[in-house]
């Protein structure tokens, strides 16, 4: 299923900037960055729970926030892109 993960991490202190980098790094491990704090992740329910737990452990819940949008398996007609940074099918093989 396609899951959209978004986050807002307070960056007023050095520790919070470090949290931001850790959250971004974890999100990059599981999906494609489509905006600065927005990732499209194609994963099953078990992997999604695992990623959610990892991210919840990283943030300061009194200052930061996470949002998970569960778009499911039929997401292609639910996502529209306009402008720069064209997207790609997250289910296709990537060659680096």
PDB file of N, CA and C in Angstrom:
ATOM      1  N   UNK A   1       0.840  -1.177   0.000  1.00  0.00           N
ATOM      2  CA  UNK A   1       0.000   0.000   0.000  1.00  0.00           C
ATOM      3  C   UNK A   1       0.884   1.238   0.000  1.00  0.00           C
ATOM      4  N   UNK A   2       0.347   2.323  -0.542  1.00  0.00           N
ATOM      5  CA  UNK A   2       1.086   3.574  -0.541  1.00  0.00           C
ATOM      6  C   UNK A   2       0.739   4.342   0.727  1.00  0.00           C
ATOM      7  N   UNK A   3       1.768   4.760   1.453  1.00  0.00           N
ATOM      8  CA  UNK A   3       1.608   5.548   2.664  1.00  0.00           C
ATOM      9  C   UNK A   3       2.366   6.846   2.470  1.00  0.00           C
ATOM     10  N   UNK A   4       1.704   7.946   2.725  1.00  0.00           N
ATOM     11  CA  UNK A   4       2.339   9.255   2.682  1.00  0.00           C
ATOM     12  C   UNK A   4       2.710   9.613   4.114  1.00  0.00           C
ATOM     13  N   UNK A   5       4.000   9.830   4.360  1.00  0.00           N
ATOM     14  CA  UNK A   5       4.475  10.202   5.692  1.00  0.00           C
ATOM     15  C   UNK A   5       4.919  11.654   5.631  1.00  0.00           C
ATOM     16  N   UNK A   6       4.372  12.458   6.538  1.00  0.00           N
ATOM     17  CA  UNK A   6       4.764  13.862   6.627  1.00  0.00           C
ATOM     18  C   UNK A   6       5.197  14.138   8.057  1.00  0.00           C
ATOM     19  N   UNK A   7       6.090  15.094   8.202  1.00  0.00           N
ATOM     20  CA  UNK A   7       6.545  15.441   9.550  1.00  0.00           C
ATOM     21  C   UNK A   7       6.838  16.923   9.654  1.00  0.00           C
ATOM     22  N   UNK A   8       6.765  17.407  10.873  1.00  0.00           N
ATOM     23  CA  UNK A   8       7.133  18.774  11.199  1.00  0.00           C
ATOM     24  C   UNK A   8       7.947  18.690  12.484  1.00  0.00           C
ATOM     25  N   UNK A   9       9.227  18.952  12.383  1.00  0.00           N
ATOM     26  CA  UNK A   9      10.129  18.863  13.532  1.00  0.00           C
ATOM     27  C   UNK A   9      10.627  20.259  13.874  1.00  0.00           C
ATOM     28  N   UNK A  10      10.450  20.647  15.111  1.00  0.00           N
ATOM     29  CA  UNK A  10      10.930  21.932  15.606  1.00  0.00           C
ATOM     30  C   UNK A  10      12.444  21.982  15.452  1.00  0.00           C
ATOM     31  N   UNK A  11      12.972  23.087  14.929  1.00  0.00           N
ATOM     32  CA  UNK A  11      14.421  23.180  14.689  1.00  0.00           C
ATOM     33  C   UNK A  11      15.055  24.365  15.405  1.00  0.00           C
ATOM     34  N   UNK A  12      14.562  24.699  16.584  1.00  0.00           N
ATOM     35  CA  UNK A  12      15.084  25.844  17.323  1.00  0.00           C
ATOM     36  C   UNK A  12      16.399  25.561  18.046  1.00  0.00           C
ATOM     37  N   UNK A  13      16.700  24.306  18.316  1.00  0.00           N
ATOM     38  CA  UNK A  13      17.928  23.957  19.043  1.00  0.00           C
ATOM     39  C   UNK A  13      18.756  22.982  18.218  1.00  0.00           C
ATOM     40  N   UNK A  14      20.009  22.806  18.648  1.00  0.00           N
ATOM     41  CA  UNK A  14      20.887  21.847  17.965  1.00  0.00           C
ATOM     42  C   UNK A  14      20.332  20.429  18.089  1.00  0.00           C
ATOM     43  N   UNK A  15      19.774  20.102  19.253  1.00  0.00           N
ATOM     44  CA  UNK A  15      19.208  18.767  19.457  1.00  0.00           C
ATOM     45  C   UNK A  15      18.015  18.534  18.530  1.00  0.00           C
ATOM     46  N   UNK A  16      17.200  19.556  18.344  1.00  0.00           N
ATOM     47  CA  UNK A  16      16.038  19.387  17.472  1.00  0.00           C
ATOM     48  C   UNK A  16      16.446  19.285  16.005  1.00  0.00           C
ATOM     49  N   UNK A  17      17.495  19.981  15.608  1.00  0.00           N
ATOM     50  CA  UNK A  17      18.006  19.845  14.237  1.00  0.00           C
ATOM     51  C   UNK A  17      18.537  18.437  14.010  1.00  0.00           C
ATOM     52  N   UNK A  18      19.135  17.861  15.034  1.00  0.00           N
ATOM     53  CA  UNK A  18      19.613  16.487  14.962  1.00  0.00           C
ATOM     54  C   UNK A  18      18.428  15.517  14.814  1.00  0.00           C
ATOM     55  N   UNK A  19      17.339  15.773  15.549  1.00  0.00           N
ATOM     56  CA  UNK A  19      16.122  14.955  15.420  1.00  0.00           C
ATOM     57  C   UNK A  19      15.592  15.023  13.994  1.00  0.00           C
ATOM     58  N   UNK A  20      15.572  16.229  13.437  1.00  0.00           N
ATOM     59  CA  UNK A  20      15.083  16.408  12.069  1.00  0.00           C
ATOM     60  C   UNK A  20      15.885  15.559  11.083  1.00  0.00           C
ATOM     61  N   UNK A  21      17.203  15.584  11.202  1.00  0.00           N
ATOM     62  CA  UNK A  21      18.053  14.783  10.308  1.00  0.00           C
ATOM     63  C   UNK A  21      17.766  13.291  10.477  1.00  0.00           C
ATOM     64  N   UNK A  22      17.572  12.852  11.717  1.00  0.00           N
ATOM     65  CA  UNK A  22      17.303  11.428  11.961  1.00  0.00           C
ATOM     66  C   UNK A  22      15.959  11.004  11.376  1.00  0.00           C
ATOM     67  N   UNK A  23      14.944  11.846  11.537  1.00  0.00           N
ATOM     68  CA  UNK A  23      13.629  11.532  10.976  1.00  0.00           C
ATOM     69  C   UNK A  23      13.713  11.464   9.451  1.00  0.00           C
ATOM     70  N   UNK A  24      14.360  12.448   8.842  1.00  0.00           N
ATOM     71  CA  UNK A  24      14.492  12.463   7.379  1.00  0.00           C
ATOM     72  C   UNK A  24      15.248  11.233   6.890  1.00  0.00           C
ATOM     73  N   UNK A  25      16.319  10.872   7.577  1.00  0.00           N
ATOM     74  CA  UNK A  25      17.116   9.713   7.172  1.00  0.00           C
ATOM     75  C   UNK A  25      16.285   8.434   7.233  1.00  0.00           C
ATOM     76  N   UNK A  26      15.513   8.267   8.302  1.00  0.00           N
ATOM     77  CA  UNK A  26      14.676   7.077   8.414  1.00  0.00           C
ATOM     78  C   UNK A  26      13.632   7.038   7.302  1.00  0.00           C
ATOM     79  N   UNK A  27      13.034   8.178   7.020  1.00  0.00           N
ATOM     80  CA  UNK A  27      12.030   8.218   5.941  1.00  0.00           C
ATOM     81  C   UNK A  27      12.666   7.874   4.599  1.00  0.00           C
ATOM     82  N   UNK A  28      13.883   8.338   4.354  1.00  0.00           N
ATOM     83  CA  UNK A  28      14.571   8.020   3.094  1.00  0.00           C
ATOM     84  C   UNK A  28      14.856   6.534   2.976  1.00  0.00           C
ATOM     85  N   UNK A  29      14.989   5.839   4.105  1.00  0.00           N
ATOM     86  CA  UNK A  29      15.219   4.395   4.077  1.00  0.00           C
ATOM     87  C   UNK A  29      14.003   3.622   3.575  1.00  0.00           C
ATOM     88  N   UNK A  30      12.826   4.236   3.650  1.00  0.00           N
ATOM     89  CA  UNK A  30      11.598   3.505   3.349  1.00  0.00           C
ATOM     90  C   UNK A  30      10.779   4.072   2.203  1.00  0.00           C
ATOM     91  N   UNK A  31      11.162   5.239   1.698  1.00  0.00           N
ATOM     92  CA  UNK A  31      10.354   5.818   0.637  1.00  0.00           C
ATOM     93  C   UNK A  31      11.079   6.876  -0.159  1.00  0.00           C
ATOM     94  N   UNK A  32      10.332   7.531  -1.028  1.00  0.00           N
ATOM     95  CA  UNK A  32      10.834   8.556  -1.929  1.00  0.00           C
ATOM     96  C   UNK A  32      10.403   9.920  -1.420  1.00  0.00           C
ATOM     97  N   UNK A  33      11.373  10.839  -1.254  1.00  0.00           N
ATOM     98  CA  UNK A  33      11.042  12.204  -0.845  1.00  0.00           C
ATOM     99  C   UNK A  33      10.377  12.906  -2.022  1.00  0.00           C
ATOM    100  N   UNK A  34       9.180  13.458  -1.771  1.00  0.00           N
ATOM    101  CA  UNK A  34       8.470  14.190  -2.811  1.00  0.00           C
ATOM    102  C   UNK A  34       8.344  15.677  -2.475  1.00  0.00           C
ATOM    103  N   UNK A  35       8.520  16.035  -1.247  1.00  0.00           N
ATOM    104  CA  UNK A  35       8.607  17.416  -0.769  1.00  0.00           C
ATOM    105  C   UNK A  35       9.602  17.394   0.389  1.00  0.00           C
ATOM    106  N   UNK A  36       9.973  18.547   0.921  1.00  0.00           N
ATOM    107  CA  UNK A  36      10.979  18.577   1.982  1.00  0.00           C
ATOM    108  C   UNK A  36      10.655  17.655   3.147  1.00  0.00           C
ATOM    109  N   UNK A  37       9.434  17.659   3.600  1.00  0.00           N
ATOM    110  CA  UNK A  37       9.043  16.843   4.754  1.00  0.00           C
ATOM    111  C   UNK A  37       7.933  15.864   4.402  1.00  0.00           C
ATOM    112  N   UNK A  38       7.915  15.407   3.165  1.00  0.00           N
ATOM    113  CA  UNK A  38       6.863  14.502   2.690  1.00  0.00           C
ATOM    114  C   UNK A  38       7.499  13.347   1.924  1.00  0.00           C
ATOM    115  N   UNK A  39       7.120  12.126   2.299  1.00  0.00           N
ATOM    116  CA  UNK A  39       7.655  10.929   1.665  1.00  0.00           C
ATOM    117  C   UNK A  39       6.529  10.011   1.224  1.00  0.00           C
ATOM    118  N   UNK A  40       6.663   9.461   0.016  1.00  0.00           N
ATOM    119  CA  UNK A  40       5.766   8.413  -0.465  1.00  0.00           C
ATOM    120  C   UNK A  40       6.459   7.089  -0.208  1.00  0.00           C
ATOM    121  N   UNK A  41       5.791   6.211   0.522  1.00  0.00           N
ATOM    122  CA  UNK A  41       6.383   4.925   0.900  1.00  0.00           C
ATOM    123  C   UNK A  41       5.447   3.797   0.492  1.00  0.00           C
ATOM    124  N   UNK A  42       5.969   2.837  -0.246  1.00  0.00           N
ATOM    125  CA  UNK A  42       5.203   1.662  -0.630  1.00  0.00           C
ATOM    126  C   UNK A  42       5.608   0.529   0.307  1.00  0.00           C
ATOM    127  N   UNK A  43       4.694   0.154   1.202  1.00  0.00           N
ATOM    128  CA  UNK A  43       5.028  -0.861   2.209  1.00  0.00           C
ATOM    129  C   UNK A  43       3.779  -1.607   2.653  1.00  0.00           C
ATOM    130  N   UNK A  44       4.005  -2.766   3.248  1.00  0.00           N
ATOM    131  CA  UNK A  44       2.879  -3.519   3.783  1.00  0.00           C
ATOM    132  C   UNK A  44       2.565  -3.022   5.199  1.00  0.00           C
ATOM    133  N   UNK A  45       1.496  -3.553   5.771  1.00  0.00           N
ATOM    134  CA  UNK A  45       1.017  -3.090   7.074  1.00  0.00           C
ATOM    135  C   UNK A  45       2.067  -3.304   8.168  1.00  0.00           C
ATOM    136  N   UNK A  46       2.735  -4.447   8.160  1.00  0.00           N
ATOM    137  CA  UNK A  46       3.744  -4.736   9.186  1.00  0.00           C
ATOM    138  C   UNK A  46       4.909  -3.755   9.109  1.00  0.00           C
ATOM    139  N   UNK A  47       5.395  -3.483   7.903  1.00  0.00           N
ATOM    140  CA  UNK A  47       6.497  -2.537   7.724  1.00  0.00           C
ATOM    141  C   UNK A  47       6.061  -1.136   8.145  1.00  0.00           C
ATOM    142  N   UNK A  48       4.830  -0.782   7.833  1.00  0.00           N
ATOM    143  CA  UNK A  48       4.310   0.530   8.200  1.00  0.00           C
ATOM    144  C   UNK A  48       4.296   0.699   9.722  1.00  0.00           C
ATOM    145  N   UNK A  49       3.854  -0.324  10.438  1.00  0.00           N
ATOM    146  CA  UNK A  49       3.860  -0.271  11.909  1.00  0.00           C
ATOM    147  C   UNK A  49       5.281  -0.107  12.434  1.00  0.00           C
ATOM    148  N   UNK A  50       6.215  -0.829  11.833  1.00  0.00           N
ATOM    149  CA  UNK A  50       7.614  -0.751  12.245  1.00  0.00           C
ATOM    150  C   UNK A  50       8.169   0.658  12.032  1.00  0.00           C
ATOM    151  N   UNK A  51       7.929   1.236  10.862  1.00  0.00           N
ATOM    152  CA  UNK A  51       8.419   2.579  10.546  1.00  0.00           C
ATOM    153  C   UNK A  51       7.777   3.603  11.474  1.00  0.00           C
ATOM    154  N   UNK A  52       6.485   3.467  11.713  1.00  0.00           N
ATOM    155  CA  UNK A  52       5.786   4.386  12.607  1.00  0.00           C
ATOM    156  C   UNK A  52       6.404   4.353  14.002  1.00  0.00           C
ATOM    157  N   UNK A  53       6.700   3.158  14.511  1.00  0.00           N
ATOM    158  CA  UNK A  53       7.312   3.031  15.841  1.00  0.00           C
ATOM    159  C   UNK A  53       8.698   3.677  15.874  1.00  0.00           C
ATOM    160  N   UNK A  54       9.479   3.469  14.825  1.00  0.00           N
ATOM    161  CA  UNK A  54      10.813   4.067  14.748  1.00  0.00           C
ATOM    162  C   UNK A  54      10.719   5.590  14.791  1.00  0.00           C
ATOM    163  N   UNK A  55       9.821   6.137  13.984  1.00  0.00           N
ATOM    164  CA  UNK A  55       9.684   7.590  13.913  1.00  0.00           C
ATOM    165  C   UNK A  55       9.125   8.172  15.211  1.00  0.00           C
ATOM    166  N   UNK A  56       8.173   7.481  15.819  1.00  0.00           N
ATOM    167  CA  UNK A  56       7.625   7.958  17.088  1.00  0.00           C
ATOM    168  C   UNK A  56       8.695   8.009  18.171  1.00  0.00           C
ATOM    169  N   UNK A  57       9.631   7.083  18.127  1.00  0.00           N
ATOM    170  CA  UNK A  57      10.727   7.078  19.112  1.00  0.00           C
ATOM    171  C   UNK A  57      11.707   8.226  18.883  1.00  0.00           C
ATOM    172  N   UNK A  58      11.778   8.726  17.656  1.00  0.00           N
ATOM    173  CA  UNK A  58      12.735   9.784  17.339  1.00  0.00           C
ATOM    174  C   UNK A  58      12.235  11.187  17.687  1.00  0.00           C
ATOM    175  N   UNK A  59      10.942  11.413  17.561  1.00  0.00           N
ATOM    176  CA  UNK A  59      10.434  12.774  17.721  1.00  0.00           C
ATOM    177  C   UNK A  59      10.179  13.127  19.186  1.00  0.00           C
ATOM    178  N   UNK A  60      10.089  14.410  19.423  1.00  0.00           N
ATOM    179  CA  UNK A  60       9.650  14.950  20.717  1.00  0.00           C
ATOM    180  C   UNK A  60       8.175  15.280  20.534  1.00  0.00           C
ATOM    181  N   UNK A  61       7.291  14.465  21.109  1.00  0.00           N
ATOM    182  CA  UNK A  61       5.857  14.604  20.861  1.00  0.00           C
ATOM    183  C   UNK A  61       5.271  15.908  21.387  1.00  0.00           C
ATOM    184  N   UNK A  62       5.997  16.608  22.241  1.00  0.00           N
ATOM    185  CA  UNK A  62       5.500  17.894  22.730  1.00  0.00           C
ATOM    186  C   UNK A  62       5.834  19.037  21.767  1.00  0.00           C
ATOM    187  N   UNK A  63       6.759  18.805  20.800  1.00  0.00           N
ATOM    188  CA  UNK A  63       7.183  19.858  19.878  1.00  0.00           C
ATOM    189  C   UNK A  63       7.068  19.483  18.405  1.00  0.00           C
ATOM    190  N   UNK A  64       7.085  18.204  18.096  1.00  0.00           N
ATOM    191  CA  UNK A  64       7.124  17.722  16.721  1.00  0.00           C
ATOM    192  C   UNK A  64       5.826  16.984  16.389  1.00  0.00           C
ATOM    193  N   UNK A  65       5.617  16.734  15.100  1.00  0.00           N
ATOM    194  CA  UNK A  65       4.438  15.962  14.710  1.00  0.00           C
ATOM    195  C   UNK A  65       4.732  15.088  13.491  1.00  0.00           C
ATOM    196  N   UNK A  66       3.989  14.000  13.417  1.00  0.00           N
ATOM    197  CA  UNK A  66       4.018  13.071  12.291  1.00  0.00           C
ATOM    198  C   UNK A  66       2.592  12.905  11.792  1.00  0.00           C
ATOM    199  N   UNK A  67       2.450  12.724  10.483  1.00  0.00           N
ATOM    200  CA  UNK A  67       1.144  12.401   9.904  1.00  0.00           C
ATOM    201  C   UNK A  67       1.347  11.264   8.917  1.00  0.00           C
ATOM    202  N   UNK A  68       0.449  10.291   8.958  1.00  0.00           N
ATOM    203  CA  UNK A  68       0.479   9.149   8.061  1.00  0.00           C
ATOM    204  C   UNK A  68      -0.828   9.139   7.276  1.00  0.00           C
ATOM    205  N   UNK A  69      -0.733   9.149   5.955  1.00  0.00           N
ATOM    206  CA  UNK A  69      -1.895   9.075   5.079  1.00  0.00           C
ATOM    207  C   UNK A  69      -1.843   7.722   4.378  1.00  0.00           C
ATOM    208  N   UNK A  70      -2.837   6.899   4.608  1.00  0.00           N
ATOM    209  CA  UNK A  70      -2.880   5.557   4.055  1.00  0.00           C
ATOM    210  C   UNK A  70      -3.696   5.582   2.762  1.00  0.00           C
ATOM    211  N   UNK A  71      -2.999   5.586   1.628  1.00  0.00           N
ATOM    212  CA  UNK A  71      -3.660   5.697   0.328  1.00  0.00           C
ATOM    213  C   UNK A  71      -4.014   4.348  -0.270  1.00  0.00           C
ATOM    214  N   UNK A  72      -3.534   3.275   0.322  1.00  0.00           N
ATOM    215  CA  UNK A  72      -3.896   1.932  -0.122  1.00  0.00           C
ATOM    216  C   UNK A  72      -3.171   1.497  -1.376  1.00  0.00           C
ATOM    217  N   UNK A  73      -3.698   0.438  -1.995  1.00  0.00           N
ATOM    218  CA  UNK A  73      -3.070  -0.142  -3.185  1.00  0.00           C
ATOM    219  C   UNK A  73      -3.550   0.506  -4.482  1.00  0.00           C
ATOM    220  N   UNK A  74      -4.702   1.144  -4.466  1.00  0.00           N
ATOM    221  CA  UNK A  74      -5.249   1.783  -5.665  1.00  0.00           C
ATOM    222  C   UNK A  74      -5.024   3.286  -5.596  1.00  0.00           C
ATOM    223  N   UNK A  75      -3.793   3.665  -5.394  1.00  0.00           N
ATOM    224  CA  UNK A  75      -3.450   5.068  -5.168  1.00  0.00           C
ATOM    225  C   UNK A  75      -3.225   5.866  -6.454  1.00  0.00           C
ATOM    226  N   UNK A  76      -2.993   5.189  -7.572  1.00  0.00           N
ATOM    227  CA  UNK A  76      -2.594   5.899  -8.793  1.00  0.00           C
ATOM    228  C   UNK A  76      -3.612   6.935  -9.241  1.00  0.00           C
ATOM    229  N   UNK A  77      -4.898   6.679  -9.026  1.00  0.00           N
ATOM    230  CA  UNK A  77      -5.898   7.668  -9.421  1.00  0.00           C
ATOM    231  C   UNK A  77      -6.170   8.673  -8.294  1.00  0.00           C
ATOM    232  N   UNK A  78      -5.454   8.579  -7.175  1.00  0.00           N
ATOM    233  CA  UNK A  78      -5.628   9.489  -6.050  1.00  0.00           C
ATOM    234  C   UNK A  78      -4.502  10.511  -5.946  1.00  0.00           C
ATOM    235  N   UNK A  79      -3.452  10.324  -6.733  1.00  0.00           N
ATOM    236  CA  UNK A  79      -2.286  11.204  -6.662  1.00  0.00           C
ATOM    237  C   UNK A  79      -2.155  11.955  -7.981  1.00  0.00           C
ATOM    238  N   UNK A  80      -2.073  13.257  -7.892  1.00  0.00           N
ATOM    239  CA  UNK A  80      -1.880  14.099  -9.076  1.00  0.00           C
ATOM    240  C   UNK A  80      -0.679  14.988  -8.816  1.00  0.00           C
ATOM    241  N   UNK A  81       0.189  15.097  -9.799  1.00  0.00           N
ATOM    242  CA  UNK A  81       1.398  15.917  -9.664  1.00  0.00           C
ATOM    243  C   UNK A  81       1.365  17.040 -10.687  1.00  0.00           C
ATOM    244  N   UNK A  82       1.711  18.251 -10.232  1.00  0.00           N
ATOM    245  CA  UNK A  82       1.803  19.412 -11.105  1.00  0.00           C
ATOM    246  C   UNK A  82       3.095  20.130 -10.778  1.00  0.00           C
ATOM    247  N   UNK A  83       3.883  20.479 -11.765  1.00  0.00           N
ATOM    248  CA  UNK A  83       5.073  21.286 -11.538  1.00  0.00           C
ATOM    249  C   UNK A  83       6.363  20.497 -11.559  1.00  0.00           C
ATOM    250  N   UNK A  84       7.382  21.096 -10.948  1.00  0.00           N
ATOM    251  CA  UNK A  84       8.748  20.553 -10.950  1.00  0.00           C
ATOM    252  C   UNK A  84       8.835  19.240 -10.193  1.00  0.00           C
ATOM    253  N   UNK A  85       9.967  18.591 -10.354  1.00  0.00           N
ATOM    254  CA  UNK A  85      10.270  17.325  -9.693  1.00  0.00           C
ATOM    255  C   UNK A  85       9.233  16.258 -10.027  1.00  0.00           C
ATOM    256  N   UNK A  86       9.189  15.835 -11.266  1.00  0.00           N
ATOM    257  CA  UNK A  86       8.204  14.812 -11.633  1.00  0.00           C
ATOM    258  C   UNK A  86       8.384  13.546 -10.818  1.00  0.00           C
ATOM    259  N   UNK A  87       7.278  12.929 -10.491  1.00  0.00           N
ATOM    260  CA  UNK A  87       7.309  11.713  -9.698  1.00  0.00           C
ATOM    261  C   UNK A  87       7.573  10.494 -10.551  1.00  0.00           C
ATOM    262  N   UNK A  88       7.595   9.358  -9.905  1.00  0.00           N
ATOM    263  CA  UNK A  88       7.757   8.084 -10.592  1.00  0.00           C
ATOM    264  C   UNK A  88       6.973   7.039  -9.831  1.00  0.00           C
ATOM    265  N   UNK A  89       6.786   5.897 -10.457  1.00  0.00           N
ATOM    266  CA  UNK A  89       6.043   4.796  -9.843  1.00  0.00           C
ATOM    267  C   UNK A  89       6.911   4.165  -8.767  1.00  0.00           C
ATOM    268  N   UNK A  90       6.479   4.258  -7.505  1.00  0.00           N
ATOM    269  CA  UNK A  90       7.282   3.745  -6.393  1.00  0.00           C
ATOM    270  C   UNK A  90       7.342   2.226  -6.362  1.00  0.00           C
ATOM    271  N   UNK A  91       6.541   1.556  -7.196  1.00  0.00           N
ATOM    272  CA  UNK A  91       6.575   0.094  -7.225  1.00  0.00           C
ATOM    273  C   UNK A  91       7.560  -0.456  -8.252  1.00  0.00           C
ATOM    274  N   UNK A  92       8.066   0.413  -9.138  1.00  0.00           N
ATOM    275  CA  UNK A  92       9.010  -0.035 -10.164  1.00  0.00           C
ATOM    276  C   UNK A  92      10.413  -0.165  -9.595  1.00  0.00           C
ATOM    277  N   UNK A  93      11.245  -0.967 -10.249  1.00  0.00           N
ATOM    278  CA  UNK A  93      12.633  -1.164  -9.852  1.00  0.00           C
ATOM    279  C   UNK A  93      13.435   0.107 -10.126  1.00  0.00           C
ATOM    280  N   UNK A  94      14.251   0.490  -9.153  1.00  0.00           N
ATOM    281  CA  UNK A  94      15.133   1.651  -9.320  1.00  0.00           C
ATOM    282  C   UNK A  94      16.540   1.187  -9.635  1.00  0.00           C
ATOM    283  N   UNK A  95      17.172   1.845 -10.588  1.00  0.00           N
ATOM    284  CA  UNK A  95      18.554   1.540 -10.939  1.00  0.00           C
ATOM    285  C   UNK A  95      19.388   2.765 -10.651  1.00  0.00           C
ATOM    286  N   UNK A  96      20.425   2.589  -9.832  1.00  0.00           N
ATOM    287  CA  UNK A  96      21.288   3.722  -9.452  1.00  0.00           C
ATOM    288  C   UNK A  96      22.567   3.682 -10.229  1.00  0.00           C
TER     289      UNK A  96
END
